[in-house]
Amino acid sequence: MMRAYMDAFGLVFGAFDFGLDADERPRMYECNPNGQCAFCGDTITEQIATALAGHLQHTGEAP
């Protein structure tokens, strides 16, 4: 479902928000252009930011 959403809008990155409804079924709320990773700690946040920047920099290039 997320891949189809991103493909439909031509996105290479999206930070999705999810939750559970009253019946405990998962629901997607929204897709944000940037995610908040501060709760992960500095070391992990830096690794996430570096990986994302590398991916965005090389998007569209042949592997």
Protein backbone atom coordinates (compact mmCIF):
# COMPACT_ATOMS: atom_id res chain seq x y z
CA MET A 1 0.00 0.00 0.00
CA MET A 2 2.79 2.49 0.86
CA ARG A 3 4.74 1.67 -2.31
CA ALA A 4 1.60 2.24 -4.44
CA TYR A 5 0.96 5.56 -2.67
CA MET A 6 4.53 6.73 -3.24
CA ASP A 7 4.52 5.58 -6.87
CA ALA A 8 1.22 7.36 -7.54
CA PHE A 9 2.71 10.66 -6.34
CA GLY A 10 6.22 10.13 -7.73
CA LEU A 11 7.81 10.09 -4.27
CA VAL A 12 11.15 8.50 -3.40
CA PHE A 13 10.73 9.11 0.34
CA GLY A 14 7.81 9.46 2.69
CA ALA A 15 7.48 9.40 6.47
CA PHE A 16 4.16 7.70 7.14
CA ASP A 17 2.11 8.08 10.32
CA PHE A 18 0.11 5.07 11.49
CA GLY A 19 -2.22 4.30 14.36
CA LEU A 20 -4.81 1.80 15.54
CA ASP A 21 -8.53 2.46 15.36
CA ALA A 22 -11.01 1.54 18.11
CA ASP A 23 -11.08 -2.05 16.81
CA GLU A 24 -7.27 -2.31 16.88
CA ARG A 25 -7.04 -2.21 13.07
CA PRO A 26 -4.01 -0.37 11.67
CA ARG A 27 -4.70 2.89 9.84
CA MET A 28 -2.48 5.17 7.79
CA TYR A 29 -3.00 8.81 8.72
CA GLU A 30 -0.66 10.74 6.45
CA CYS A 31 2.61 10.88 4.58
CA ASN A 32 5.05 13.61 5.57
CA PRO A 33 7.92 14.94 3.44
CA ASN A 34 10.33 14.65 6.36
CA GLY A 35 10.31 12.36 9.34
CA GLN A 36 11.15 13.04 12.94
CA CYS A 37 13.82 10.63 14.18
CA ALA A 38 14.94 12.55 17.28
CA PHE A 39 13.48 9.87 19.57
CA CYS A 40 16.09 7.43 18.20
CA GLY A 41 19.12 9.22 19.63
CA ASP A 42 21.89 11.15 17.88
CA THR A 43 23.87 8.20 16.54
CA ILE A 44 20.89 6.50 14.91
CA THR A 45 19.39 9.81 13.73
CA GLU A 46 22.67 10.65 11.98
CA GLN A 47 22.78 7.23 10.29
CA ILE A 48 19.18 7.62 9.09
CA ALA A 49 19.83 11.14 7.75
CA THR A 50 23.02 10.01 5.98
CA ALA A 51 21.32 7.00 4.36
CA LEU A 52 18.35 9.08 3.26
CA ALA A 53 20.55 11.83 1.81
CA GLY A 54 22.57 9.23 -0.10
CA HIS A 55 19.40 7.64 -1.48
CA LEU A 56 17.92 10.97 -2.56
CA GLN A 57 21.20 12.06 -4.13
CA HIS A 58 21.37 8.92 -6.31
CA THR A 59 17.68 8.47 -7.14
CA GLY A 60 17.14 7.85 -10.81
CA GLU A 61 20.62 6.47 -11.47
CA ALA A 62 21.03 2.92 -12.68
CA PRO A 63 22.21 0.54 -9.94
